[in-house]
Each structure stands twice: as structure tokens, then as C-alpha cells.
C-alpha atoms as a PDB file:
ATOM      1  CA  MET A   1      -6.818 -12.718 104.055  1.00  0.00           C
ATOM      2  CA  ASP A   2     -10.119 -10.877 103.821  1.00  0.00           C
ATOM      3  CA  THR A   3      -9.706  -7.124 103.682  1.00  0.00           C
ATOM      4  CA  VAL A   4     -12.251  -4.415 104.417  1.00  0.00           C
ATOM      5  CA  ILE A   5     -11.863  -0.928 102.941  1.00  0.00           C
ATOM      6  CA  ARG A   6     -13.518   1.889 104.904  1.00  0.00           C
ATOM      7  CA  ARG A   7     -13.094   5.409 106.198  1.00  0.00           C
ATOM      8  CA  ALA A   8     -10.518   5.545 108.969  1.00  0.00           C
ATOM      9  CA  ARG A   9     -11.821   5.527 112.526  1.00  0.00           C
ATOM     10  CA  PRO A  10     -10.063   7.199 115.457  1.00  0.00           C
ATOM     11  CA  GLU A  11      -8.634   3.858 116.560  1.00  0.00           C
ATOM     12  CA  ASP A  12      -7.031   3.358 113.108  1.00  0.00           C
ATOM     13  CA  LEU A  13      -5.126   6.631 112.931  1.00  0.00           C
ATOM     14  CA  VAL A  14      -1.857   5.747 114.679  1.00  0.00           C
ATOM     15  CA  ALA A  15      -1.514   2.474 112.764  1.00  0.00           C
ATOM     16  CA  ALA A  16      -2.351   4.209 109.462  1.00  0.00           C
ATOM     17  CA  GLY A  17       0.394   6.752 110.098  1.00  0.00           C
ATOM     18  CA  ASP A  18       2.831   3.985 110.974  1.00  0.00           C
ATOM     19  CA  VAL A  19       2.023   2.048 107.789  1.00  0.00           C
ATOM     20  CA  THR A  20       2.414   5.166 105.648  1.00  0.00           C
ATOM     21  CA  VAL A  21       5.797   6.054 107.117  1.00  0.00           C
ATOM     22  CA  GLU A  22       6.923   2.416 106.913  1.00  0.00           C
ATOM     23  CA  ALA A  23       6.090   2.292 103.207  1.00  0.00           C
ATOM     24  CA  PHE A  24       7.520   5.664 102.162  1.00  0.00           C
ATOM     25  CA  VAL A  25      10.688   5.507 104.274  1.00  0.00           C
ATOM     26  CA  GLY A  26      11.187   1.751 103.940  1.00  0.00           C
ATOM     27  CA  ASP A  27      10.946   1.899 100.160  1.00  0.00           C
ATOM     28  CA  GLY A  28      13.390   4.806 100.028  1.00  0.00           C
ATOM     29  CA  HIS A  29      10.904   7.415  98.769  1.00  0.00           C
ATOM     30  CA  THR A  30      11.560   9.867 101.586  1.00  0.00           C
ATOM     31  CA  PRO A  31      14.235  10.155 104.291  1.00  0.00           C
ATOM     32  CA  ALA A  32      13.265   9.133 107.826  1.00  0.00           C
ATOM     33  CA  ASP A  33      14.259  12.557 109.167  1.00  0.00           C
ATOM     34  CA  GLY A  34      12.616  14.587 106.384  1.00  0.00           C
ATOM     35  CA  ASP A  35       9.805  17.100 106.748  1.00  0.00           C
ATOM     36  CA  TYR A  36       7.473  14.930 104.666  1.00  0.00           C
ATOM     37  CA  VAL A  37       7.465  12.218 107.358  1.00  0.00           C
ATOM     38  CA  ARG A  38       5.525  14.521 109.683  1.00  0.00           C
ATOM     39  CA  LEU A  39       2.847  14.935 107.011  1.00  0.00           C
ATOM     40  CA  LEU A  40       2.766  11.186 106.317  1.00  0.00           C
ATOM     41  CA  ARG A  41       2.261  10.451 109.997  1.00  0.00           C
ATOM     42  CA  ASP A  42      -0.384  13.160 110.562  1.00  0.00           C
ATOM     43  CA  THR A  43      -3.416  10.974 109.950  1.00  0.00           C
ATOM     44  CA  VAL A  44      -5.543  13.047 112.322  1.00  0.00           C
ATOM     45  CA  ARG A  45      -5.167  15.999 109.969  1.00  0.00           C
ATOM     46  CA  ARG A  46      -5.579  13.898 106.823  1.00  0.00           C
ATOM     47  CA  SER A  47      -8.785  12.302 108.087  1.00  0.00           C
ATOM     48  CA  ALA A  48     -10.202  15.673 109.169  1.00  0.00           C
ATOM     49  CA  GLU A  49      -9.313  17.657 106.032  1.00  0.00           C
ATOM     50  CA  ALA A  50      -9.713  14.918 103.398  1.00  0.00           C
ATOM     51  CA  GLU A  51     -10.909  11.313 103.393  1.00  0.00           C
ATOM     52  CA  LEU A  52      -8.516   8.770 104.850  1.00  0.00           C
ATOM     53  CA  LEU A  53      -9.418   5.304 103.620  1.00  0.00           C
ATOM     54  CA  VAL A  54      -7.940   2.281 105.367  1.00  0.00           C
ATOM     55  CA  ALA A  55      -7.619  -1.353 104.446  1.00  0.00           C
ATOM     56  CA  VAL A  56      -8.085  -3.487 107.542  1.00  0.00           C
ATOM     57  CA  ASP A  57      -7.776  -7.197 108.118  1.00  0.00           C
ATOM     58  CA  ALA A  58     -11.349  -8.443 108.498  1.00  0.00           C
ATOM     59  CA  ALA A  59     -10.306 -10.950 111.163  1.00  0.00           C
ATOM     60  CA  ASP A  60      -8.424  -8.726 113.587  1.00  0.00           C
ATOM     61  CA  GLY A  61      -8.970  -5.122 112.440  1.00  0.00           C
ATOM     62  CA  ARG A  62      -5.242  -4.561 111.839  1.00  0.00           C
ATOM     63  CA  VAL A  63      -4.520  -1.675 109.441  1.00  0.00           C
ATOM     64  CA  LEU A  64      -2.825  -3.093 106.340  1.00  0.00           C
ATOM     65  CA  GLY A  65      -2.689   0.062 104.250  1.00  0.00           C
ATOM     66  CA  CYS A  66      -4.280   3.421 103.608  1.00  0.00           C
ATOM     67  CA  VAL A  67      -4.750   6.221 101.097  1.00  0.00           C
ATOM     68  CA  THR A  68      -5.804   9.853 101.329  1.00  0.00           C
ATOM     69  CA  PHE A  69      -8.615  10.804  98.940  1.00  0.00           C
ATOM     70  CA  ALA A  70      -9.390  14.416  98.034  1.00  0.00           C
ATOM     71  CA  VAL A  71     -11.481  16.249  95.492  1.00  0.00           C
ATOM     72  CA  GLY A  72      -9.630  18.562  93.117  1.00  0.00           C
ATOM     73  CA  GLY A  73      -9.461  22.153  94.249  1.00  0.00           C
ATOM     74  CA  THR A  74      -9.359  21.234  97.934  1.00  0.00           C
ATOM     75  CA  GLU A  75      -6.380  21.553 100.258  1.00  0.00           C
ATOM     76  CA  TRP A  76      -5.176  17.950  99.882  1.00  0.00           C
ATOM     77  CA  ALA A  77      -5.393  17.852  96.086  1.00  0.00           C
ATOM     78  CA  ASP A  78      -2.121  18.730  94.398  1.00  0.00           C
ATOM     79  CA  ILE A  79      -2.917  18.153  90.737  1.00  0.00           C
ATOM     80  CA  ALA A  80      -6.569  17.153  90.322  1.00  0.00           C
ATOM     81  CA  ARG A  81      -8.950  19.643  88.797  1.00  0.00           C
ATOM     82  CA  PRO A  82     -12.242  20.399  90.602  1.00  0.00           C
ATOM     83  CA  GLU A  83     -14.058  17.718  88.568  1.00  0.00           C
ATOM     84  CA  GLU A  84     -11.492  15.045  89.490  1.00  0.00           C
ATOM     85  CA  GLY A  85     -10.656  12.958  92.521  1.00  0.00           C
ATOM     86  CA  GLU A  86      -7.073  12.545  93.698  1.00  0.00           C
ATOM     87  CA  ILE A  87      -5.239  10.011  95.800  1.00  0.00           C
ATOM     88  CA  ARG A  88      -2.236  10.840  97.925  1.00  0.00           C
ATOM     89  CA  MET A  89       0.070   8.817 100.103  1.00  0.00           C
ATOM     90  CA  LEU A  90      -1.052   5.351  98.996  1.00  0.00           C
ATOM     91  CA  ALA A  91       0.720   2.964 101.351  1.00  0.00           C
ATOM     92  CA  VAL A  92       0.613  -0.760 102.051  1.00  0.00           C
ATOM     93  CA  GLY A  93       2.558  -2.307 104.908  1.00  0.00           C
ATOM     94  CA  ALA A  94       5.319  -4.699 103.897  1.00  0.00           C
ATOM     95  CA  ALA A  95       3.582  -7.673 105.521  1.00  0.00           C
ATOM     96  CA  ALA A  96       0.420  -7.131 103.428  1.00  0.00           C
ATOM     97  CA  ARG A  97       2.002  -6.610 100.017  1.00  0.00           C
ATOM     98  CA  GLY A  98       1.080  -8.833  97.118  1.00  0.00           C
ATOM     99  CA  ARG A  99      -2.425  -9.434  98.488  1.00  0.00           C
ATOM    100  CA  GLY A 100      -4.345  -6.834  96.501  1.00  0.00           C
ATOM    101  CA  VAL A 101      -4.525  -4.257  99.282  1.00  0.00           C
ATOM    102  CA  GLY A 102      -3.173  -1.398  97.166  1.00  0.00           C
ATOM    103  CA  GLU A 103      -5.531  -2.241  94.337  1.00  0.00           C
ATOM    104  CA  ALA A 104      -8.498  -2.375  96.713  1.00  0.00           C
ATOM    105  CA  LEU A 105      -7.614   1.068  98.080  1.00  0.00           C
ATOM    106  CA  VAL A 106      -7.285   2.601  94.606  1.00  0.00           C
ATOM    107  CA  ARG A 107     -10.562   0.994  93.509  1.00  0.00           C
ATOM    108  CA  ALA A 108     -12.269   2.420  96.610  1.00  0.00           C
ATOM    109  CA  ALA A 109     -11.016   5.895  95.677  1.00  0.00           C
ATOM    110  CA  MET A 110     -12.285   5.375  92.126  1.00  0.00           C
ATOM    111  CA  ASP A 111     -15.674   4.357  93.531  1.00  0.00           C
ATOM    112  CA  ARG A 112     -15.691   7.407  95.793  1.00  0.00           C
ATOM    113  CA  SER A 113     -14.945   9.665  92.817  1.00  0.00           C
ATOM    114  CA  ARG A 114     -17.879   8.162  90.936  1.00  0.00           C
ATOM    115  CA  GLU A 115     -20.171   8.475  93.998  1.00  0.00           C
ATOM    116  CA  LEU A 116     -19.365  12.185  94.093  1.00  0.00           C
ATOM    117  CA  GLY A 117     -20.186  12.532  90.388  1.00  0.00           C
ATOM    118  CA  LEU A 118     -16.636  13.436  89.421  1.00  0.00           C
ATOM    119  CA  ALA A 119     -15.486  13.100  85.809  1.00  0.00           C
ATOM    120  CA  GLY A 120     -12.329  11.143  86.617  1.00  0.00           C
ATOM    121  CA  MET A 121      -9.169  11.130  88.672  1.00  0.00           C
ATOM    122  CA  ALA A 122      -5.644  12.495  88.474  1.00  0.00           C
ATOM    123  CA  PHE A 123      -2.738  12.103  90.865  1.00  0.00           C
ATOM    124  CA  SER A 124       1.020  12.339  91.187  1.00  0.00           C
ATOM    125  CA  THR A 125       3.599   9.627  91.745  1.00  0.00           C
ATOM    126  CA  ARG A 126       7.367   9.508  91.992  1.00  0.00           C
ATOM    127  CA  PRO A 127       9.283   8.014  89.044  1.00  0.00           C
ATOM    128  CA  ALA A 128      10.751   5.257  91.247  1.00  0.00           C
ATOM    129  CA  MET A 129       7.324   3.966  92.374  1.00  0.00           C
ATOM    130  CA  THR A 130       7.219   1.450  89.537  1.00  0.00           C
ATOM    131  CA  ALA A 131       5.082  -1.152  91.320  1.00  0.00           C
ATOM    132  CA  ALA A 132       2.411   1.494  91.847  1.00  0.00           C
ATOM    133  CA  HIS A 133       2.679   2.549  88.190  1.00  0.00           C
ATOM    134  CA  ARG A 134       1.934  -1.021  87.086  1.00  0.00           C
ATOM    135  CA  LEU A 135      -1.129  -1.070  89.348  1.00  0.00           C
ATOM    136  CA  TYR A 136      -2.415   2.259  88.027  1.00  0.00           C
ATOM    137  CA  GLU A 137      -1.969   1.178  84.417  1.00  0.00           C
ATOM    138  CA  ARG A 138      -3.717  -2.134  85.092  1.00  0.00           C
ATOM    139  CA  LEU A 139      -6.686  -0.150  86.450  1.00  0.00           C
ATOM    140  CA  GLY A 140      -6.857   2.012  83.313  1.00  0.00           C
ATOM    141  CA  PHE A 141      -4.964   5.120  84.400  1.00  0.00           C
ATOM    142  CA  VAL A 142      -2.705   6.645  81.753  1.00  0.00           C
ATOM    143  CA  ARG A 143       0.455   8.674  82.061  1.00  0.00           C
ATOM    144  CA  THR A 144      -0.275  12.317  81.427  1.00  0.00           C
ATOM    145  CA  PRO A 145       3.155  13.950  80.921  1.00  0.00           C
ATOM    146  CA  SER A 146       1.636  17.350  80.124  1.00  0.00           C
ATOM    147  CA  ARG A 147       0.590  17.549  83.801  1.00  0.00           C
ATOM    148  CA  ASP A 148       3.896  16.376  85.350  1.00  0.00           C
ATOM    149  CA  TRP A 149       5.308  18.843  87.871  1.00  0.00           C
ATOM    150  CA  GLU A 150       7.907  19.615  90.538  1.00  0.00           C
ATOM    151  CA  PRO A 151       6.722  20.638  94.009  1.00  0.00           C
ATOM    152  CA  ARG A 152      10.296  21.797  94.580  1.00  0.00           C
ATOM    153  CA  PRO A 153      13.503  21.572  92.545  1.00  0.00           C
ATOM    154  CA  GLY A 154      14.743  18.006  92.169  1.00  0.00           C
ATOM    155  CA  ILE A 155      11.429  16.382  93.124  1.00  0.00           C
ATOM    156  CA  ASP A 156       9.900  15.207  89.859  1.00  0.00           C
ATOM    157  CA  LEU A 157       6.315  13.975  89.963  1.00  0.00           C
ATOM    158  CA  LEU A 158       4.598  12.041  87.204  1.00  0.00           C
ATOM    159  CA  VAL A 159       0.857  12.355  86.721  1.00  0.00           C
ATOM    160  CA  TYR A 160      -1.584   9.557  85.983  1.00  0.00           C
ATOM    161  CA  ALA A 161      -5.173  10.306  84.987  1.00  0.00           C
ATOM    162  CA  LEU A 162      -8.383   8.488  84.158  1.00  0.00           C
ATOM    163  CA  ALA A 163     -11.664   9.814  82.745  1.00  0.00           C
ATOM    164  CA  PHE A 164     -14.851   7.992  83.696  1.00  0.00           C
END
């Protein structure tokens, strides 16, 4: 399957929200009735206030996955410093897993960080997202425990970082 990574277009937004919710709820990272689901589904806001990158099937344009990219110090960046890029809400639909879609999305965010002249990237991940951790480590990101944090009690987030 050939995949194209690009900025989300208006016609991609509903499918990108669906894929994000499918991944986060389906993998047990957030409850289906939780507040975070509204944020995951709000791709209109994410694409307007940050950069929403989508992976689409080159043959039929179907959204396979997506990621929100933000520069540190902006509204969508939780942990990145102003000289770093950050990814949030990396999601790949179940039907597209194992095909390199997640890696392509992370690489696109890395490329975007470099295009903007940033010094590196930093982002948060949940401890249970072990498949994502393997991907990040394969791409050269390193665990940075000194930057781990809790957005609210009981929600532990691990930080991965990479300097260019």
C-alpha cells in the first residue's frame, strides 16, 4: 500500500478524528465517554491551531492515520521548548497497522521540525504505549525521565526527546 503524508484537507477531518478516537479508545488509552475523546475528535480545531498531518492511501485517499504537530511554546505543545517540535495524538487505524504508517507520520514531523529550523523534538507518551515507544527509539528518540510529568493526578506521561 502506497501512503502519502500531507497536511490534512477539509475532506480528511472527519476520518482523521475517527481514526484518532479508534486508536486511543480501541487500544484502551482513554475511555470512550471521557473528556479527552472530544479533543481527539476535534480535528477542525487541531488543523486550525496546529498542523494536522494525515497519512492517506495513495490509491483511494482513505485516511490511515494522523498526528498533530506543534512548535514548543504554542497552544498545542505540552512539553516541547520553543526550539523543539512536538507531536501529539499519533494514531494509526487498526486496518493500517504494521505498514509503516506511524513511522511515516513521525518522520514527517521530524522533517517539519527541521524545515522550521528547530533544534529537535520532545513529546509525551503514556507508559502503556509500548509499540509507539519502540518506534520512537528506532528513530533515535531517547527517554528523558527528567521531563516526565502528570497533566493531572494518576496520568503519568513519559517524555521522549531528540536533538538534531
